[in-house]
Amino acid sequence: MSAVDLDALPRLPRDAEGPVFRAPWEAQAFAMTLSLHQRGVFTWPEWAAALAREIAAAQAAGDADLGDTYYRHWLGALERLVDEKRLSSRAELARYRDAWDRAADRTPHGQPIELRAADFDH
């Protein structure tokens, strides 16, 4: 397994101490990517190339590349690789995203989000 080379990642938001995140989901997507890499699901150069393709596609579609959409591209690249590696499908990922959205919508601010079977029934 290759080492994680943060310099290989295009435009990674970071400071002197490492990556920086504006929201918890960004850190979670970052951590999931590192975990899958460490488990050998993909190489780091493979990941960097997938992320670069995602960013290039977004820019071609009009993304202004102001840095505020970086982790949306990160998540898109992660979802694509998860689908390509057949760990999950795009449809299954969308099903869980929608269920989490429903669970979050009914959860009072500051309370833990509880995913229920009924969240999948829509």
N, C-alpha and C. Protein backbone atom coordinates (compact mmCIF):
# COMPACT_ATOMS: atom_id res chain seq x y z
N MET A 1 0.86 -1.18 0.00
CA MET A 1 0.00 0.00 0.00
C MET A 1 0.90 1.24 0.00
N SER A 2 0.55 2.21 -0.83
CA SER A 2 1.34 3.43 -0.91
C SER A 2 0.98 4.38 0.22
N ALA A 3 1.90 5.28 0.50
CA ALA A 3 1.67 6.28 1.55
C ALA A 3 0.72 7.35 1.03
N VAL A 4 0.10 8.06 1.94
CA VAL A 4 -0.78 9.16 1.58
C VAL A 4 0.08 10.38 1.29
N ASP A 5 -0.02 10.88 0.07
CA ASP A 5 0.74 12.05 -0.36
C ASP A 5 -0.23 13.21 -0.56
N LEU A 6 -0.38 14.05 0.45
CA LEU A 6 -1.32 15.16 0.36
C LEU A 6 -0.92 16.15 -0.73
N ASP A 7 0.36 16.19 -1.08
CA ASP A 7 0.80 17.09 -2.14
C ASP A 7 0.29 16.65 -3.51
N ALA A 8 -0.13 15.39 -3.62
CA ALA A 8 -0.65 14.88 -4.89
C ALA A 8 -2.10 15.29 -5.12
N LEU A 9 -2.73 15.88 -4.12
CA LEU A 9 -4.14 16.25 -4.24
C LEU A 9 -4.27 17.68 -4.73
N PRO A 10 -4.99 17.86 -5.82
CA PRO A 10 -5.14 19.22 -6.35
C PRO A 10 -5.92 20.13 -5.42
N ARG A 11 -5.34 21.25 -5.07
CA ARG A 11 -5.99 22.33 -4.31
C ARG A 11 -6.60 21.93 -2.97
N LEU A 12 -6.00 20.98 -2.27
CA LEU A 12 -6.50 20.57 -0.96
C LEU A 12 -6.47 21.75 0.01
N PRO A 13 -7.63 22.13 0.59
CA PRO A 13 -7.62 23.21 1.59
C PRO A 13 -6.84 22.75 2.82
N ARG A 14 -5.78 23.46 3.14
CA ARG A 14 -4.99 23.08 4.31
C ARG A 14 -4.20 24.26 4.82
N ASP A 15 -3.72 24.09 6.05
CA ASP A 15 -2.84 25.07 6.66
C ASP A 15 -1.54 24.35 7.01
N ALA A 16 -0.73 24.96 7.86
CA ALA A 16 0.57 24.37 8.21
C ALA A 16 0.43 23.03 8.93
N GLU A 17 -0.71 22.79 9.56
CA GLU A 17 -0.91 21.56 10.32
C GLU A 17 -1.57 20.45 9.52
N GLY A 18 -2.10 20.75 8.36
CA GLY A 18 -2.73 19.73 7.54
C GLY A 18 -4.05 20.20 6.97
N PRO A 19 -4.89 19.26 6.53
CA PRO A 19 -6.17 19.62 5.92
C PRO A 19 -7.06 20.42 6.87
N VAL A 20 -7.84 21.32 6.29
CA VAL A 20 -8.82 22.09 7.07
C VAL A 20 -10.20 21.82 6.50
N PHE A 21 -11.18 21.83 7.38
CA PHE A 21 -12.55 21.50 7.01
C PHE A 21 -13.49 22.58 7.52
N ARG A 22 -14.49 22.92 6.73
CA ARG A 22 -15.47 23.94 7.13
C ARG A 22 -16.69 23.33 7.79
N ALA A 23 -16.88 22.02 7.60
CA ALA A 23 -18.05 21.35 8.17
C ALA A 23 -17.68 19.91 8.53
N PRO A 24 -18.37 19.34 9.50
CA PRO A 24 -18.05 17.96 9.91
C PRO A 24 -18.10 16.95 8.76
N TRP A 25 -19.06 17.10 7.84
CA TRP A 25 -19.17 16.13 6.75
C TRP A 25 -17.92 16.12 5.89
N GLU A 26 -17.25 17.26 5.76
CA GLU A 26 -16.01 17.30 4.97
C GLU A 26 -14.93 16.43 5.62
N ALA A 27 -14.79 16.56 6.93
CA ALA A 27 -13.81 15.73 7.64
C ALA A 27 -14.18 14.26 7.57
N GLN A 28 -15.47 13.96 7.62
CA GLN A 28 -15.91 12.57 7.54
C GLN A 28 -15.64 11.98 6.16
N ALA A 29 -15.87 12.75 5.11
CA ALA A 29 -15.58 12.27 3.75
C ALA A 29 -14.07 12.05 3.58
N PHE A 30 -13.28 12.94 4.15
CA PHE A 30 -11.82 12.80 4.11
C PHE A 30 -11.40 11.52 4.83
N ALA A 31 -11.96 11.31 6.02
CA ALA A 31 -11.61 10.12 6.81
C ALA A 31 -12.04 8.83 6.13
N MET A 32 -13.21 8.83 5.51
CA MET A 32 -13.66 7.63 4.79
C MET A 32 -12.72 7.31 3.64
N THR A 33 -12.27 8.34 2.95
CA THR A 33 -11.34 8.13 1.84
C THR A 33 -10.04 7.53 2.33
N LEU A 34 -9.49 8.09 3.41
CA LEU A 34 -8.25 7.54 3.97
C LEU A 34 -8.43 6.10 4.41
N SER A 35 -9.56 5.80 5.03
CA SER A 35 -9.83 4.45 5.50
C SER A 35 -9.90 3.46 4.34
N LEU A 36 -10.60 3.83 3.27
CA LEU A 36 -10.70 2.94 2.11
C LEU A 36 -9.34 2.75 1.46
N HIS A 37 -8.56 3.81 1.40
CA HIS A 37 -7.20 3.69 0.85
C HIS A 37 -6.36 2.75 1.72
N GLN A 38 -6.42 2.93 3.02
CA GLN A 38 -5.64 2.09 3.93
C GLN A 38 -6.05 0.63 3.85
N ARG A 39 -7.29 0.37 3.49
CA ARG A 39 -7.77 -1.00 3.34
C ARG A 39 -7.42 -1.59 1.97
N GLY A 40 -6.79 -0.78 1.12
CA GLY A 40 -6.37 -1.26 -0.19
C GLY A 40 -7.42 -1.22 -1.27
N VAL A 41 -8.50 -0.47 -1.04
CA VAL A 41 -9.56 -0.38 -2.05
C VAL A 41 -9.07 0.35 -3.30
N PHE A 42 -8.23 1.36 -3.10
CA PHE A 42 -7.63 2.08 -4.22
C PHE A 42 -6.28 2.62 -3.79
N THR A 43 -5.43 2.88 -4.77
CA THR A 43 -4.12 3.47 -4.50
C THR A 43 -4.28 4.98 -4.35
N TRP A 44 -3.30 5.61 -3.75
CA TRP A 44 -3.37 7.06 -3.60
C TRP A 44 -3.29 7.76 -4.96
N PRO A 45 -2.42 7.33 -5.88
CA PRO A 45 -2.43 7.95 -7.21
C PRO A 45 -3.78 7.77 -7.92
N GLU A 46 -4.42 6.63 -7.73
CA GLU A 46 -5.75 6.40 -8.30
C GLU A 46 -6.75 7.39 -7.72
N TRP A 47 -6.67 7.61 -6.40
CA TRP A 47 -7.56 8.58 -5.76
C TRP A 47 -7.31 9.99 -6.27
N ALA A 48 -6.05 10.38 -6.33
CA ALA A 48 -5.71 11.74 -6.78
C ALA A 48 -6.21 11.97 -8.21
N ALA A 49 -6.09 10.98 -9.06
CA ALA A 49 -6.57 11.10 -10.44
C ALA A 49 -8.09 11.21 -10.48
N ALA A 50 -8.78 10.44 -9.66
CA ALA A 50 -10.25 10.50 -9.62
C ALA A 50 -10.71 11.88 -9.15
N LEU A 51 -10.05 12.41 -8.14
CA LEU A 51 -10.40 13.75 -7.64
C LEU A 51 -10.12 14.81 -8.70
N ALA A 52 -8.98 14.70 -9.37
CA ALA A 52 -8.64 15.67 -10.42
C ALA A 52 -9.68 15.63 -11.54
N ARG A 53 -10.14 14.43 -11.92
CA ARG A 53 -11.17 14.32 -12.96
C ARG A 53 -12.48 14.97 -12.51
N GLU A 54 -12.83 14.76 -11.25
CA GLU A 54 -14.07 15.33 -10.71
C GLU A 54 -14.00 16.86 -10.73
N ILE A 55 -12.87 17.40 -10.31
CA ILE A 55 -12.70 18.86 -10.31
C ILE A 55 -12.72 19.42 -11.72
N ALA A 56 -12.02 18.75 -12.64
CA ALA A 56 -11.99 19.21 -14.04
C ALA A 56 -13.39 19.20 -14.64
N ALA A 57 -14.17 18.15 -14.35
CA ALA A 57 -15.54 18.08 -14.88
C ALA A 57 -16.40 19.21 -14.31
N ALA A 58 -16.23 19.50 -13.03
CA ALA A 58 -17.00 20.58 -12.40
C ALA A 58 -16.62 21.93 -13.00
N GLN A 59 -15.35 22.15 -13.23
CA GLN A 59 -14.91 23.40 -13.84
C GLN A 59 -15.45 23.53 -15.26
N ALA A 60 -15.43 22.43 -16.01
CA ALA A 60 -15.96 22.44 -17.37
C ALA A 60 -17.46 22.76 -17.37
N ALA A 61 -18.14 22.39 -16.28
CA ALA A 61 -19.57 22.65 -16.15
C ALA A 61 -19.87 24.03 -15.56
N GLY A 62 -18.81 24.81 -15.26
CA GLY A 62 -19.01 26.17 -14.79
C GLY A 62 -18.67 26.46 -13.35
N ASP A 63 -18.12 25.49 -12.61
CA ASP A 63 -17.72 25.75 -11.22
C ASP A 63 -16.65 26.85 -11.22
N ALA A 64 -16.88 27.86 -10.42
CA ALA A 64 -15.95 29.00 -10.38
C ALA A 64 -14.64 28.69 -9.66
N ASP A 65 -14.56 27.53 -9.03
CA ASP A 65 -13.34 27.09 -8.34
C ASP A 65 -12.85 28.12 -7.33
N LEU A 66 -13.74 28.50 -6.44
CA LEU A 66 -13.40 29.44 -5.38
C LEU A 66 -12.95 28.73 -4.10
N GLY A 67 -12.91 27.41 -4.13
CA GLY A 67 -12.50 26.63 -2.96
C GLY A 67 -13.64 26.17 -2.09
N ASP A 68 -14.81 26.78 -2.25
CA ASP A 68 -15.93 26.43 -1.39
C ASP A 68 -16.64 25.14 -1.82
N THR A 69 -16.30 24.62 -2.98
CA THR A 69 -16.93 23.40 -3.48
C THR A 69 -15.96 22.21 -3.48
N TYR A 70 -14.76 22.40 -2.95
CA TYR A 70 -13.73 21.38 -3.03
C TYR A 70 -14.20 20.03 -2.48
N TYR A 71 -14.78 20.02 -1.29
CA TYR A 71 -15.18 18.76 -0.69
C TYR A 71 -16.44 18.18 -1.33
N ARG A 72 -17.21 18.97 -2.04
CA ARG A 72 -18.29 18.41 -2.84
C ARG A 72 -17.69 17.57 -3.97
N HIS A 73 -16.60 18.08 -4.56
CA HIS A 73 -15.89 17.31 -5.60
C HIS A 73 -15.24 16.07 -4.99
N TRP A 74 -14.70 16.25 -3.79
CA TRP A 74 -14.09 15.12 -3.07
C TRP A 74 -15.14 14.01 -2.88
N LEU A 75 -16.32 14.38 -2.39
CA LEU A 75 -17.38 13.41 -2.16
C LEU A 75 -17.83 12.78 -3.47
N GLY A 76 -17.92 13.58 -4.52
CA GLY A 76 -18.30 13.03 -5.83
C GLY A 76 -17.29 12.00 -6.32
N ALA A 77 -16.00 12.30 -6.15
CA ALA A 77 -14.96 11.35 -6.55
C ALA A 77 -15.03 10.08 -5.70
N LEU A 78 -15.28 10.24 -4.41
CA LEU A 78 -15.40 9.08 -3.53
C LEU A 78 -16.58 8.21 -3.93
N GLU A 79 -17.72 8.83 -4.19
CA GLU A 79 -18.90 8.07 -4.60
C GLU A 79 -18.64 7.34 -5.92
N ARG A 80 -17.97 8.00 -6.84
CA ARG A 80 -17.67 7.38 -8.14
C ARG A 80 -16.76 6.16 -7.96
N LEU A 81 -15.70 6.30 -7.15
CA LEU A 81 -14.80 5.17 -6.92
C LEU A 81 -15.49 4.03 -6.19
N VAL A 82 -16.31 4.36 -5.21
CA VAL A 82 -17.06 3.32 -4.48
C VAL A 82 -17.96 2.56 -5.45
N ASP A 83 -18.57 3.27 -6.39
CA ASP A 83 -19.41 2.63 -7.40
C ASP A 83 -18.55 1.80 -8.36
N GLU A 84 -17.46 2.37 -8.85
CA GLU A 84 -16.60 1.65 -9.80
C GLU A 84 -16.00 0.39 -9.18
N LYS A 85 -15.68 0.45 -7.90
CA LYS A 85 -15.10 -0.70 -7.21
C LYS A 85 -16.18 -1.68 -6.73
N ARG A 86 -17.43 -1.34 -7.01
CA ARG A 86 -18.59 -2.17 -6.66
C ARG A 86 -18.73 -2.42 -5.16
N LEU A 87 -18.34 -1.41 -4.38
CA LEU A 87 -18.55 -1.48 -2.93
C LEU A 87 -19.99 -1.12 -2.60
N SER A 88 -20.56 -0.29 -3.45
CA SER A 88 -21.94 0.15 -3.35
C SER A 88 -22.30 0.70 -4.71
N SER A 89 -23.57 0.97 -4.91
CA SER A 89 -23.99 1.56 -6.18
C SER A 89 -24.37 3.02 -5.96
N ARG A 90 -24.41 3.77 -7.03
CA ARG A 90 -24.87 5.16 -6.94
C ARG A 90 -26.29 5.20 -6.38
N ALA A 91 -27.13 4.26 -6.82
CA ALA A 91 -28.51 4.23 -6.34
C ALA A 91 -28.57 3.97 -4.83
N GLU A 92 -27.75 3.04 -4.34
CA GLU A 92 -27.75 2.76 -2.91
C GLU A 92 -27.22 3.96 -2.12
N LEU A 93 -26.19 4.60 -2.63
CA LEU A 93 -25.67 5.80 -1.96
C LEU A 93 -26.73 6.89 -1.90
N ALA A 94 -27.46 7.08 -3.00
CA ALA A 94 -28.53 8.09 -3.03
C ALA A 94 -29.64 7.73 -2.05
N ARG A 95 -29.96 6.45 -1.95
CA ARG A 95 -31.00 5.99 -1.02
C ARG A 95 -30.62 6.34 0.42
N TYR A 96 -29.36 6.09 0.79
CA TYR A 96 -28.91 6.42 2.15
C TYR A 96 -28.84 7.92 2.36
N ARG A 97 -28.38 8.67 1.36
CA ARG A 97 -28.31 10.13 1.49
C ARG A 97 -29.71 10.69 1.74
N ASP A 98 -30.68 10.21 0.97
CA ASP A 98 -32.06 10.69 1.13
C ASP A 98 -32.62 10.31 2.50
N ALA A 99 -32.32 9.10 2.96
CA ALA A 99 -32.79 8.67 4.29
C ALA A 99 -32.17 9.54 5.38
N TRP A 100 -30.87 9.84 5.26
CA TRP A 100 -30.23 10.72 6.24
C TRP A 100 -30.83 12.11 6.21
N ASP A 101 -31.15 12.61 5.02
CA ASP A 101 -31.78 13.93 4.92
C ASP A 101 -33.12 13.94 5.66
N ARG A 102 -33.92 12.89 5.48
CA ARG A 102 -35.21 12.82 6.18
C ARG A 102 -35.00 12.75 7.69
N ALA A 103 -34.03 11.94 8.12
CA ALA A 103 -33.76 11.83 9.55
C ALA A 103 -33.28 13.17 10.12
N ALA A 104 -32.43 13.85 9.39
CA ALA A 104 -31.92 15.14 9.86
C ALA A 104 -33.04 16.19 9.93
N ASP A 105 -33.94 16.15 8.96
CA ASP A 105 -35.04 17.12 8.94
C ASP A 105 -35.95 17.01 10.17
N ARG A 106 -36.12 15.82 10.71
CA ARG A 106 -37.02 15.65 11.86
C ARG A 106 -36.29 15.77 13.19
N THR A 107 -34.96 15.89 13.16
CA THR A 107 -34.18 15.91 14.39
C THR A 107 -33.97 17.34 14.89
N PRO A 108 -34.31 17.61 16.14
CA PRO A 108 -34.06 18.95 16.69
C PRO A 108 -32.56 19.27 16.68
N HIS A 109 -32.28 20.53 16.44
CA HIS A 109 -30.89 20.99 16.41
C HIS A 109 -30.16 20.60 17.69
N GLY A 110 -28.97 20.08 17.53
CA GLY A 110 -28.14 19.71 18.67
C GLY A 110 -28.36 18.29 19.16
N GLN A 111 -29.36 17.62 18.64
CA GLN A 111 -29.63 16.24 19.04
C GLN A 111 -28.99 15.27 18.04
N PRO A 112 -28.63 14.08 18.49
CA PRO A 112 -28.07 13.08 17.57
C PRO A 112 -29.11 12.67 16.53
N ILE A 113 -28.68 12.48 15.31
CA ILE A 113 -29.57 12.03 14.25
C ILE A 113 -29.68 10.51 14.34
N GLU A 114 -30.92 10.04 14.37
CA GLU A 114 -31.19 8.60 14.43
C GLU A 114 -31.82 8.17 13.11
N LEU A 115 -31.14 7.29 12.43
CA LEU A 115 -31.65 6.75 11.17
C LEU A 115 -32.60 5.59 11.48
N ARG A 116 -33.82 5.67 10.95
CA ARG A 116 -34.84 4.64 11.19
C ARG A 116 -35.21 3.96 9.88
N ALA A 117 -35.75 2.76 9.99
CA ALA A 117 -36.18 2.02 8.79
C ALA A 117 -37.16 2.84 7.97
N ALA A 118 -38.04 3.59 8.63
CA ALA A 118 -39.04 4.38 7.92
C ALA A 118 -38.39 5.46 7.06
N ASP A 119 -37.18 5.87 7.37
CA ASP A 119 -36.50 6.89 6.57
C ASP A 119 -36.19 6.40 5.15
N PHE A 120 -36.22 5.08 4.96
CA PHE A 120 -35.92 4.48 3.67
C PHE A 120 -37.19 4.23 2.85
N ASP A 121 -38.36 4.49 3.43
CA ASP A 121 -39.63 4.12 2.80
C ASP A 121 -40.15 5.13 1.79
N HIS A 122 -39.39 6.10 1.41
CA HIS A 122 -39.89 7.12 0.47
C HIS A 122 -39.38 6.90 -0.92
